[in-house]
Full PDB file with SEQRES, HELIX, SHEET, SSBOND, CRYST1, ORIGX, SCALE, CONECT and MASTER records, all heavy atoms in Angstrom:
SEQRES   1 A   36  ALA ALA TYR ASN SER PHE GLN TYR ARG LYS ALA ASN SER          
SEQRES   2 A   36  TRP HIS LEU ILE PRO SER SER SER THR VAL THR VAL HIS          
SEQRES   3 A   36  PRO LEU ASP GLY GLU ILE TYR ALA GLN ILE                      
HELIX    1 AA1 ALA A    2  ASN A    4  5                                   3    
HELIX    2 AA2 PHE A    6  LYS A   10  1                                   5    
HELIX    3 AA3 PRO A   27  ASP A   29  5                                   3    
CRYST1    1.000    1.000    1.000  90.00  90.00  90.00 P 1           1          
ORIGX1      1.000000  0.000000  0.000000        0.00000                         
ORIGX2      0.000000  1.000000  0.000000        0.00000                         
ORIGX3      0.000000  0.000000  1.000000        0.00000                         
SCALE1      1.000000  0.000000  0.000000        0.00000                         
SCALE2      0.000000  1.000000  0.000000        0.00000                         
SCALE3      0.000000  0.000000  1.000000        0.00000                         
ATOM      1  N   ALA A   1     -40.517-169.626 -54.049  1.00  0.00           N  
ATOM      2  CA  ALA A   1     -41.050-169.601 -52.719  1.00  0.00           C  
ATOM      3  C   ALA A   1     -41.557-171.045 -52.285  1.00  0.00           C  
ATOM      4  O   ALA A   1     -41.355-171.466 -51.141  1.00  0.00           O  
ATOM      5  CB  ALA A   1     -42.103-168.621 -52.642  1.00  0.00           C  
ATOM      6  N   ALA A   2     -42.099-171.688 -53.153  1.00  0.00           N  
ATOM      7  CA  ALA A   2     -42.697-173.124 -52.813  1.00  0.00           C  
ATOM      8  C   ALA A   2     -41.580-174.046 -52.345  1.00  0.00           C  
ATOM      9  O   ALA A   2     -41.831-174.982 -51.530  1.00  0.00           O  
ATOM     10  CB  ALA A   2     -43.303-173.731 -54.056  1.00  0.00           C  
ATOM     11  N   TYR A   3     -40.324-173.868 -52.736  1.00  0.00           N  
ATOM     12  CA  TYR A   3     -39.284-174.743 -52.195  1.00  0.00           C  
ATOM     13  C   TYR A   3     -38.993-174.521 -50.681  1.00  0.00           C  
ATOM     14  O   TYR A   3     -38.313-175.347 -49.966  1.00  0.00           O  
ATOM     15  CB  TYR A   3     -38.010-174.603 -52.896  1.00  0.00           C  
ATOM     16  CG  TYR A   3     -38.205-175.023 -54.422  1.00  0.00           C  
ATOM     17  CD1 TYR A   3     -38.406-174.180 -55.530  1.00  0.00           C  
ATOM     18  CD2 TYR A   3     -38.152-176.442 -54.720  1.00  0.00           C  
ATOM     19  CE1 TYR A   3     -38.562-174.613 -56.809  1.00  0.00           C  
ATOM     20  CE2 TYR A   3     -38.281-176.782 -56.131  1.00  0.00           C  
ATOM     21  CZ  TYR A   3     -38.540-175.803 -57.094  1.00  0.00           C  
ATOM     22  OH  TYR A   3     -38.639-176.299 -58.411  1.00  0.00           O  
ATOM     23  N   ASN A   4     -39.411-173.412 -50.054  1.00  0.00           N  
ATOM     24  CA  ASN A   4     -39.295-173.111 -48.770  1.00  0.00           C  
ATOM     25  C   ASN A   4     -40.660-173.267 -47.951  1.00  0.00           C  
ATOM     26  O   ASN A   4     -40.658-172.650 -46.816  1.00  0.00           O  
ATOM     27  CB  ASN A   4     -38.784-171.829 -48.650  1.00  0.00           C  
ATOM     28  CG  ASN A   4     -37.177-171.689 -48.890  1.00  0.00           C  
ATOM     29  OD1 ASN A   4     -36.522-172.623 -48.734  1.00  0.00           O  
ATOM     30  ND2 ASN A   4     -36.776-170.554 -49.502  1.00  0.00           N  
ATOM     31  N   SER A   5     -41.512-173.896 -48.594  1.00  0.00           N  
ATOM     32  CA  SER A   5     -42.819-174.092 -47.749  1.00  0.00           C  
ATOM     33  C   SER A   5     -42.655-175.095 -46.779  1.00  0.00           C  
ATOM     34  O   SER A   5     -41.750-175.931 -46.863  1.00  0.00           O  
ATOM     35  CB  SER A   5     -44.007-174.468 -48.835  1.00  0.00           C  
ATOM     36  OG  SER A   5     -43.613-175.775 -49.311  1.00  0.00           O  
ATOM     37  N   PHE A   6     -43.454-175.072 -45.733  1.00  0.00           N  
ATOM     38  CA  PHE A   6     -43.438-176.022 -44.598  1.00  0.00           C  
ATOM     39  C   PHE A   6     -43.689-177.351 -45.040  1.00  0.00           C  
ATOM     40  O   PHE A   6     -43.147-178.374 -44.711  1.00  0.00           O  
ATOM     41  CB  PHE A   6     -44.421-175.697 -43.394  1.00  0.00           C  
ATOM     42  CG  PHE A   6     -44.358-176.577 -42.272  1.00  0.00           C  
ATOM     43  CD1 PHE A   6     -43.322-176.531 -41.382  1.00  0.00           C  
ATOM     44  CD2 PHE A   6     -45.435-177.524 -42.272  1.00  0.00           C  
ATOM     45  CE1 PHE A   6     -43.380-177.422 -40.341  1.00  0.00           C  
ATOM     46  CE2 PHE A   6     -45.457-178.373 -41.183  1.00  0.00           C  
ATOM     47  CZ  PHE A   6     -44.430-178.384 -40.229  1.00  0.00           C  
ATOM     48  N   GLN A   7     -44.669-177.602 -46.041  1.00  0.00           N  
ATOM     49  CA  GLN A   7     -45.158-178.849 -46.411  1.00  0.00           C  
ATOM     50  C   GLN A   7     -43.997-179.472 -47.205  1.00  0.00           C  
ATOM     51  O   GLN A   7     -43.809-180.700 -47.094  1.00  0.00           O  
ATOM     52  CB  GLN A   7     -46.375-178.868 -47.176  1.00  0.00           C  
ATOM     53  CG  GLN A   7     -47.586-178.458 -46.630  1.00  0.00           C  
ATOM     54  CD  GLN A   7     -47.791-176.828 -46.474  1.00  0.00           C  
ATOM     55  OE1 GLN A   7     -46.931-176.107 -46.722  1.00  0.00           O  
ATOM     56  NE2 GLN A   7     -49.077-176.422 -46.324  1.00  0.00           N  
ATOM     57  N   TYR A   8     -43.235-178.656 -48.061  1.00  0.00           N  
ATOM     58  CA  TYR A   8     -42.190-179.220 -48.903  1.00  0.00           C  
ATOM     59  C   TYR A   8     -40.966-179.759 -47.975  1.00  0.00           C  
ATOM     60  O   TYR A   8     -40.472-180.840 -48.271  1.00  0.00           O  
ATOM     61  CB  TYR A   8     -41.776-178.128 -49.811  1.00  0.00           C  
ATOM     62  CG  TYR A   8     -40.696-178.653 -50.911  1.00  0.00           C  
ATOM     63  CD1 TYR A   8     -41.154-179.189 -52.123  1.00  0.00           C  
ATOM     64  CD2 TYR A   8     -39.301-178.425 -50.649  1.00  0.00           C  
ATOM     65  CE1 TYR A   8     -40.273-179.595 -53.073  1.00  0.00           C  
ATOM     66  CE2 TYR A   8     -38.382-178.910 -51.673  1.00  0.00           C  
ATOM     67  CZ  TYR A   8     -38.937-179.512 -52.842  1.00  0.00           C  
ATOM     68  OH  TYR A   8     -38.079-179.851 -53.881  1.00  0.00           O  
ATOM     69  N   ARG A   9     -40.639-178.968 -47.027  1.00  0.00           N  
ATOM     70  CA  ARG A   9     -39.649-179.368 -46.048  1.00  0.00           C  
ATOM     71  C   ARG A   9     -40.150-180.555 -45.191  1.00  0.00           C  
ATOM     72  O   ARG A   9     -39.270-181.481 -45.112  1.00  0.00           O  
ATOM     73  CB  ARG A   9     -39.249-178.151 -45.184  1.00  0.00           C  
ATOM     74  CG  ARG A   9     -38.586-176.962 -45.770  1.00  0.00           C  
ATOM     75  CD  ARG A   9     -38.258-175.935 -44.856  1.00  0.00           C  
ATOM     76  NE  ARG A   9     -37.774-174.874 -45.349  1.00  0.00           N  
ATOM     77  CZ  ARG A   9     -37.253-173.711 -44.746  1.00  0.00           C  
ATOM     78  NH1 ARG A   9     -37.290-173.742 -43.374  1.00  0.00           N  
ATOM     79  NH2 ARG A   9     -36.764-172.724 -45.296  1.00  0.00           N  
ATOM     80  N   LYS A  10     -41.316-180.482 -44.699  1.00  0.00           N  
ATOM     81  CA  LYS A  10     -41.784-181.649 -43.863  1.00  0.00           C  
ATOM     82  C   LYS A  10     -41.863-183.136 -44.595  1.00  0.00           C  
ATOM     83  O   LYS A  10     -41.447-184.118 -43.989  1.00  0.00           O  
ATOM     84  CB  LYS A  10     -43.226-181.326 -43.392  1.00  0.00           C  
ATOM     85  CG  LYS A  10     -43.878-182.359 -42.405  1.00  0.00           C  
ATOM     86  CD  LYS A  10     -43.126-182.278 -41.108  1.00  0.00           C  
ATOM     87  CE  LYS A  10     -43.791-183.295 -40.193  1.00  0.00           C  
ATOM     88  NZ  LYS A  10     -43.126-183.230 -38.852  1.00  0.00           N  
ATOM     89  N   ALA A  11     -42.111-182.917 -45.947  1.00  0.00           N  
ATOM     90  CA  ALA A  11     -42.143-184.196 -46.798  1.00  0.00           C  
ATOM     91  C   ALA A  11     -40.677-184.545 -47.117  1.00  0.00           C  
ATOM     92  O   ALA A  11     -40.581-185.692 -47.900  1.00  0.00           O  
ATOM     93  CB  ALA A  11     -42.937-184.047 -47.893  1.00  0.00           C  
ATOM     94  N   ASN A  12     -39.657-183.802 -46.795  1.00  0.00           N  
ATOM     95  CA  ASN A  12     -38.221-183.986 -47.156  1.00  0.00           C  
ATOM     96  C   ASN A  12     -38.229-184.195 -48.708  1.00  0.00           C  
ATOM     97  O   ASN A  12     -37.604-185.090 -49.266  1.00  0.00           O  
ATOM     98  CB  ASN A  12     -37.809-185.283 -46.457  1.00  0.00           C  
ATOM     99  CG  ASN A  12     -36.268-185.397 -46.563  1.00  0.00           C  
ATOM    100  OD1 ASN A  12     -35.451-184.410 -46.784  1.00  0.00           O  
ATOM    101  ND2 ASN A  12     -35.736-186.589 -46.511  1.00  0.00           N  
ATOM    102  N   SER A  13     -38.798-183.182 -49.442  1.00  0.00           N  
ATOM    103  CA  SER A  13     -38.837-183.349 -50.880  1.00  0.00           C  
ATOM    104  C   SER A  13     -37.665-182.658 -51.392  1.00  0.00           C  
ATOM    105  O   SER A  13     -37.129-181.591 -51.013  1.00  0.00           O  
ATOM    106  CB  SER A  13     -40.134-182.684 -51.277  1.00  0.00           C  
ATOM    107  OG  SER A  13     -41.238-183.381 -50.949  1.00  0.00           O  
ATOM    108  N   TRP A  14     -37.165-183.029 -52.542  1.00  0.00           N  
ATOM    109  CA  TRP A  14     -36.129-182.464 -53.316  1.00  0.00           C  
ATOM    110  C   TRP A  14     -36.353-182.290 -54.713  1.00  0.00           C  
ATOM    111  O   TRP A  14     -35.548-182.036 -55.501  1.00  0.00           O  
ATOM    112  CB  TRP A  14     -34.748-183.297 -53.057  1.00  0.00           C  
ATOM    113  CG  TRP A  14     -34.375-183.185 -51.615  1.00  0.00           C  
ATOM    114  CD1 TRP A  14     -34.670-184.109 -50.704  1.00  0.00           C  
ATOM    115  CD2 TRP A  14     -33.691-182.189 -50.939  1.00  0.00           C  
ATOM    116  NE1 TRP A  14     -34.066-183.801 -49.513  1.00  0.00           N  
ATOM    117  CE2 TRP A  14     -33.537-182.637 -49.534  1.00  0.00           C  
ATOM    118  CE3 TRP A  14     -33.104-180.898 -51.290  1.00  0.00           C  
ATOM    119  CZ2 TRP A  14     -32.766-181.773 -48.552  1.00  0.00           C  
ATOM    120  CZ3 TRP A  14     -32.445-180.118 -50.311  1.00  0.00           C  
ATOM    121  CH2 TRP A  14     -32.373-180.631 -49.117  1.00  0.00           C  
ATOM    122  N   HIS A  15     -37.518-182.701 -55.190  1.00  0.00           N  
ATOM    123  CA  HIS A  15     -37.998-182.752 -56.524  1.00  0.00           C  
ATOM    124  C   HIS A  15     -38.232-181.366 -57.121  1.00  0.00           C  
ATOM    125  O   HIS A  15     -38.493-180.360 -56.238  1.00  0.00           O  
ATOM    126  CB  HIS A  15     -39.181-183.614 -56.815  1.00  0.00           C  
ATOM    127  CG  HIS A  15     -40.492-183.111 -56.223  1.00  0.00           C  
ATOM    128  ND1 HIS A  15     -40.753-183.323 -54.815  1.00  0.00           N  
ATOM    129  CD2 HIS A  15     -41.409-182.361 -56.578  1.00  0.00           C  
ATOM    130  CE1 HIS A  15     -41.865-182.667 -54.483  1.00  0.00           C  
ATOM    131  NE2 HIS A  15     -42.381-182.019 -55.558  1.00  0.00           N  
ATOM    132  N   LEU A  16     -38.169-181.191 -58.210  1.00  0.00           N  
ATOM    133  CA  LEU A  16     -38.397-179.845 -58.880  1.00  0.00           C  
ATOM    134  C   LEU A  16     -39.897-179.641 -59.068  1.00  0.00           C  
ATOM    135  O   LEU A  16     -40.672-180.554 -59.552  1.00  0.00           O  
ATOM    136  CB  LEU A  16     -37.798-179.642 -60.248  1.00  0.00           C  
ATOM    137  CG  LEU A  16     -36.241-179.676 -60.221  1.00  0.00           C  
ATOM    138  CD1 LEU A  16     -35.753-179.643 -61.773  1.00  0.00           C  
ATOM    139  CD2 LEU A  16     -35.684-178.738 -59.358  1.00  0.00           C  
ATOM    140  N   ILE A  17     -40.470-178.575 -58.714  1.00  0.00           N  
ATOM    141  CA  ILE A  17     -41.910-178.201 -58.647  1.00  0.00           C  
ATOM    142  C   ILE A  17     -42.124-177.533 -59.961  1.00  0.00           C  
ATOM    143  O   ILE A  17     -41.601-176.500 -60.442  1.00  0.00           O  
ATOM    144  CB  ILE A  17     -42.386-177.277 -57.480  1.00  0.00           C  
ATOM    145  CG1 ILE A  17     -41.958-177.961 -56.230  1.00  0.00           C  
ATOM    146  CG2 ILE A  17     -43.843-177.036 -57.595  1.00  0.00           C  
ATOM    147  CD1 ILE A  17     -42.054-176.973 -54.996  1.00  0.00           C  
ATOM    148  N   PRO A  18     -43.137-178.129 -60.796  1.00  0.00           N  
ATOM    149  CA  PRO A  18     -43.553-177.421 -62.038  1.00  0.00           C  
ATOM    150  C   PRO A  18     -44.025-176.085 -61.706  1.00  0.00           C  
ATOM    151  O   PRO A  18     -44.970-175.923 -60.922  1.00  0.00           O  
ATOM    152  CB  PRO A  18     -44.563-178.310 -62.740  1.00  0.00           C  
ATOM    153  CG  PRO A  18     -44.372-179.651 -62.048  1.00  0.00           C  
ATOM    154  CD  PRO A  18     -43.941-179.374 -60.596  1.00  0.00           C  
ATOM    155  N   SER A  19     -43.558-175.038 -62.342  1.00  0.00           N  
ATOM    156  CA  SER A  19     -43.917-173.744 -62.054  1.00  0.00           C  
ATOM    157  C   SER A  19     -44.740-173.153 -63.185  1.00  0.00           C  
ATOM    158  O   SER A  19     -44.409-173.411 -64.423  1.00  0.00           O  
ATOM    159  CB  SER A  19     -42.798-172.840 -61.772  1.00  0.00           C  
ATOM    160  OG  SER A  19     -41.855-172.804 -62.826  1.00  0.00           O  
ATOM    161  N   SER A  20     -45.629-172.278 -62.996  1.00  0.00           N  
ATOM    162  CA  SER A  20     -46.382-171.656 -64.007  1.00  0.00           C  
ATOM    163  C   SER A  20     -45.442-170.571 -64.679  1.00  0.00           C  
ATOM    164  O   SER A  20     -44.438-170.283 -64.252  1.00  0.00           O  
ATOM    165  CB  SER A  20     -47.640-170.864 -63.398  1.00  0.00           C  
ATOM    166  OG  SER A  20     -47.276-169.928 -62.417  1.00  0.00           O  
ATOM    167  N   SER A  21     -45.965-170.211 -65.895  1.00  0.00           N  
ATOM    168  CA  SER A  21     -45.106-169.290 -66.648  1.00  0.00           C  
ATOM    169  C   SER A  21     -45.019-167.860 -65.903  1.00  0.00           C  
ATOM    170  O   SER A  21     -45.856-167.575 -65.071  1.00  0.00           O  
ATOM    171  CB  SER A  21     -45.815-168.928 -67.941  1.00  0.00           C  
ATOM    172  OG  SER A  21     -47.152-168.325 -67.873  1.00  0.00           O  
ATOM    173  N   THR A  22     -43.870-167.176 -66.118  1.00  0.00           N  
ATOM    174  CA  THR A  22     -43.622-165.997 -65.437  1.00  0.00           C  
ATOM    175  C   THR A  22     -44.572-164.972 -65.863  1.00  0.00           C  
ATOM    176  O   THR A  22     -44.890-164.742 -67.070  1.00  0.00           O  
ATOM    177  CB  THR A  22     -42.157-165.491 -65.682  1.00  0.00           C  
ATOM    178  OG1 THR A  22     -41.294-166.518 -65.281  1.00  0.00           O  
ATOM    179  CG2 THR A  22     -41.839-164.250 -64.866  1.00  0.00           C  
ATOM    180  N   VAL A  23     -45.097-164.171 -64.927  1.00  0.00           N  
ATOM    181  CA  VAL A  23     -46.103-163.024 -65.176  1.00  0.00           C  
ATOM    182  C   VAL A  23     -45.332-161.891 -65.760  1.00  0.00           C  
ATOM    183  O   VAL A  23     -44.414-161.411 -65.136  1.00  0.00           O  
ATOM    184  CB  VAL A  23     -46.941-162.730 -63.927  1.00  0.00           C  
ATOM    185  CG1 VAL A  23     -47.958-161.620 -64.309  1.00  0.00           C  
ATOM    186  CG2 VAL A  23     -47.734-163.921 -63.506  1.00  0.00           C  
ATOM    187  N   THR A  24     -45.674-161.466 -66.906  1.00  0.00           N  
ATOM    188  CA  THR A  24     -44.878-160.358 -67.538  1.00  0.00           C  
ATOM    189  C   THR A  24     -45.978-159.258 -68.015  1.00  0.00           C  
ATOM    190  O   THR A  24     -47.008-159.493 -68.147  1.00  0.00           O  
ATOM    191  CB  THR A  24     -44.143-160.783 -68.794  1.00  0.00           C  
ATOM    192  OG1 THR A  24     -44.960-161.433 -69.771  1.00  0.00           O  
ATOM    193  CG2 THR A  24     -43.028-161.843 -68.269  1.00  0.00           C  
ATOM    194  N   VAL A  25     -45.363-158.104 -68.139  1.00  0.00           N  
ATOM    195  CA  VAL A  25     -46.206-157.015 -68.806  1.00  0.00           C  
ATOM    196  C   VAL A  25     -45.468-156.332 -69.978  1.00  0.00           C  
ATOM    197  O   VAL A  25     -44.171-156.433 -70.041  1.00  0.00           O  
ATOM    198  CB  VAL A  25     -46.351-155.839 -67.647  1.00  0.00           C  
ATOM    199  CG1 VAL A  25     -47.335-156.487 -66.566  1.00  0.00           C  
ATOM    200  CG2 VAL A  25     -45.086-155.524 -66.959  1.00  0.00           C  
ATOM    201  N   HIS A  26     -46.109-155.549 -70.727  1.00  0.00           N  
ATOM    202  CA  HIS A  26     -45.536-154.873 -71.847  1.00  0.00           C  
ATOM    203  C   HIS A  26     -45.897-153.462 -71.887  1.00  0.00           C  
ATOM    204  O   HIS A  26     -46.920-153.163 -71.343  1.00  0.00           O  
ATOM    205  CB  HIS A  26     -46.200-155.618 -73.128  1.00  0.00           C  
ATOM    206  CG  HIS A  26     -45.465-155.183 -74.357  1.00  0.00           C  
ATOM    207  ND1 HIS A  26     -45.824-154.100 -75.201  1.00  0.00           N  
ATOM    208  CD2 HIS A  26     -44.311-155.705 -74.970  1.00  0.00           C  
ATOM    209  CE1 HIS A  26     -45.015-153.941 -76.206  1.00  0.00           C  
ATOM    210  NE2 HIS A  26     -44.108-154.923 -76.236  1.00  0.00           N  
ATOM    211  N   PRO A  27     -45.103-152.527 -72.327  1.00  0.00           N  
ATOM    212  CA  PRO A  27     -45.366-151.042 -72.354  1.00  0.00           C  
ATOM    213  C   PRO A  27     -46.669-150.850 -72.987  1.00  0.00           C  
ATOM    214  O   PRO A  27     -47.343-149.805 -72.664  1.00  0.00           O  
ATOM    215  CB  PRO A  27     -44.191-150.512 -73.286  1.00  0.00           C  
ATOM    216  CG  PRO A  27     -43.114-151.527 -73.032  1.00  0.00           C  
ATOM    217  CD  PRO A  27     -43.702-152.884 -72.947  1.00  0.00           C  
ATOM    218  N   LEU A  28     -47.144-151.710 -73.925  1.00  0.00           N  
ATOM    219  CA  LEU A  28     -48.491-151.310 -74.603  1.00  0.00           C  
ATOM    220  C   LEU A  28     -49.626-151.612 -73.628  1.00  0.00           C  
ATOM    221  O   LEU A  28     -50.779-151.263 -73.924  1.00  0.00           O  
ATOM    222  CB  LEU A  28     -48.630-152.196 -75.876  1.00  0.00           C  
ATOM    223  CG  LEU A  28     -47.602-151.765 -76.923  1.00  0.00           C  
ATOM    224  CD1 LEU A  28     -47.957-152.584 -78.219  1.00  0.00           C  
ATOM    225  CD2 LEU A  28     -47.783-150.362 -77.417  1.00  0.00           C  
ATOM    226  N   ASP A  29     -49.316-152.392 -72.519  1.00  0.00           N  
ATOM    227  CA  ASP A  29     -50.413-152.781 -71.598  1.00  0.00           C  
ATOM    228  C   ASP A  29     -50.680-151.466 -70.732  1.00  0.00           C  
ATOM    229  O   ASP A  29     -51.768-151.505 -70.064  1.00  0.00           O  
ATOM    230  CB  ASP A  29     -49.887-153.829 -70.727  1.00  0.00           C  
ATOM    231  CG  ASP A  29     -49.729-155.106 -71.421  1.00  0.00           C  
ATOM    232  OD1 ASP A  29     -50.304-155.255 -72.424  1.00  0.00           O  
ATOM    233  OD2 ASP A  29     -48.885-156.006 -70.857  1.00  0.00           O  
ATOM    234  N   GLY A  30     -49.855-150.367 -70.691  1.00  0.00           N  
ATOM    235  CA  GLY A  30     -50.034-149.345 -69.885  1.00  0.00           C  
ATOM    236  C   GLY A  30     -49.616-149.559 -68.444  1.00  0.00           C  
ATOM    237  O   GLY A  30     -48.888-150.518 -68.175  1.00  0.00           O  
ATOM    238  N   GLU A  31     -50.208-148.901 -67.506  1.00  0.00           N  
ATOM    239  CA  GLU A  31     -49.918-148.955 -66.175  1.00  0.00           C  
ATOM    240  C   GLU A  31     -50.665-150.278 -65.570  1.00  0.00           C  
ATOM    241  O   GLU A  31     -51.938-150.286 -65.655  1.00  0.00           O  
ATOM    242  CB  GLU A  31     -50.255-147.737 -65.327  1.00  0.00           C  
ATOM    243  CG  GLU A  31     -49.303-146.478 -65.689  1.00  0.00           C  
ATOM    244  CD  GLU A  31     -49.720-145.316 -64.895  1.00  0.00           C  
ATOM    245  OE1 GLU A  31     -50.553-145.440 -63.912  1.00  0.00           O  
ATOM    246  OE2 GLU A  31     -48.993-144.350 -65.006  1.00  0.00           O  
ATOM    247  N   ILE A  32     -49.953-151.221 -65.216  1.00  0.00           N  
ATOM    248  CA  ILE A  32     -50.648-152.484 -64.557  1.00  0.00           C  
ATOM    249  C   ILE A  32     -50.135-152.531 -63.031  1.00  0.00           C  
ATOM    250  O   ILE A  32     -49.023-152.437 -62.712  1.00  0.00           O  
ATOM    251  CB  ILE A  32     -50.083-153.700 -65.241  1.00  0.00           C  
ATOM    252  CG1 ILE A  32     -50.458-153.645 -66.754  1.00  0.00           C  
ATOM    253  CG2 ILE A  32     -50.594-154.993 -64.664  1.00  0.00           C  
ATOM    254  CD1 ILE A  32     -51.901-153.716 -67.020  1.00  0.00           C  
ATOM    255  N   TYR A  33     -51.224-152.691 -62.229  1.00  0.00           N  
ATOM    256  CA  TYR A  33     -51.048-152.827 -60.814  1.00  0.00           C  
ATOM    257  C   TYR A  33     -51.721-154.060 -60.365  1.00  0.00           C  
ATOM    258  O   TYR A  33     -52.706-154.693 -60.922  1.00  0.00           O  
ATOM    259  CB  TYR A  33     -51.703-151.526 -60.085  1.00  0.00           C  
ATOM    260  CG  TYR A  33     -51.076-150.287 -60.359  1.00  0.00           C  
ATOM    261  CD1 TYR A  33     -51.192-149.561 -61.242  1.00  0.00           C  
ATOM    262  CD2 TYR A  33     -49.883-150.060 -59.380  1.00  0.00           C  
ATOM    263  CE1 TYR A  33     -50.544-148.240 -61.538  1.00  0.00           C  
ATOM    264  CE2 TYR A  33     -49.208-148.784 -59.520  1.00  0.00           C  
ATOM    265  CZ  TYR A  33     -49.513-147.920 -60.635  1.00  0.00           C  
ATOM    266  OH  TYR A  33     -48.887-146.791 -60.793  1.00  0.00           O  
ATOM    267  N   ALA A  34     -51.139-154.564 -59.225  1.00  0.00           N  
ATOM    268  CA  ALA A  34     -51.812-155.833 -58.463  1.00  0.00           C  
ATOM    269  C   ALA A  34     -51.997-155.274 -57.123  1.00  0.00           C  
ATOM    270  O   ALA A  34     -51.305-154.429 -56.564  1.00  0.00           O  
ATOM    271  CB  ALA A  34     -50.833-157.120 -58.522  1.00  0.00           C  
ATOM    272  N   GLN A  35     -52.888-155.925 -56.417  1.00  0.00           N  
ATOM    273  CA  GLN A  35     -53.169-155.423 -54.997  1.00  0.00           C  
ATOM    274  C   GLN A  35     -53.607-156.628 -54.101  1.00  0.00           C  
ATOM    275  O   GLN A  35     -54.183-157.489 -54.605  1.00  0.00           O  
ATOM    276  CB  GLN A  35     -54.243-154.237 -54.960  1.00  0.00           C  
ATOM    277  CG  GLN A  35     -55.503-154.639 -55.491  1.00  0.00           C  
ATOM    278  CD  GLN A  35     -56.499-153.441 -55.484  1.00  0.00           C  
ATOM    279  OE1 GLN A  35     -56.240-152.498 -54.994  1.00  0.00           O  
ATOM    280  NE2 GLN A  35     -57.564-153.637 -56.147  1.00  0.00           N  
ATOM    281  N   ILE A  36     -53.265-156.384 -52.787  1.00  0.00           N  
ATOM    282  CA  ILE A  36     -53.631-157.349 -51.695  1.00  0.00           C  
ATOM    283  C   ILE A  36     -54.537-156.663 -50.897  1.00  0.00           C  
ATOM    284  O   ILE A  36     -54.221-155.572 -50.344  1.00  0.00           O  
ATOM    285  CB  ILE A  36     -52.447-157.936 -51.057  1.00  0.00           C  
ATOM    286  CG1 ILE A  36     -51.430-158.501 -51.889  1.00  0.00           C  
ATOM    287  CG2 ILE A  36     -52.813-159.010 -50.032  1.00  0.00           C  
ATOM    288  CD1 ILE A  36     -50.067-158.839 -51.237  1.00  0.00           C  
TER     289      ILE A  36                                                      
MASTER        0    0    0    3    0    0    0    6  288    1    0    3          
END                                                                             
């Protein structure tokens, strides 16, 4: 998503953005929900 941000386009950037690790879940975690 960050590669399509307005600031990234406005700056005419083409560099790779360091991304955080992918958020993952495991069956032993049980039911995991996020909310907005």
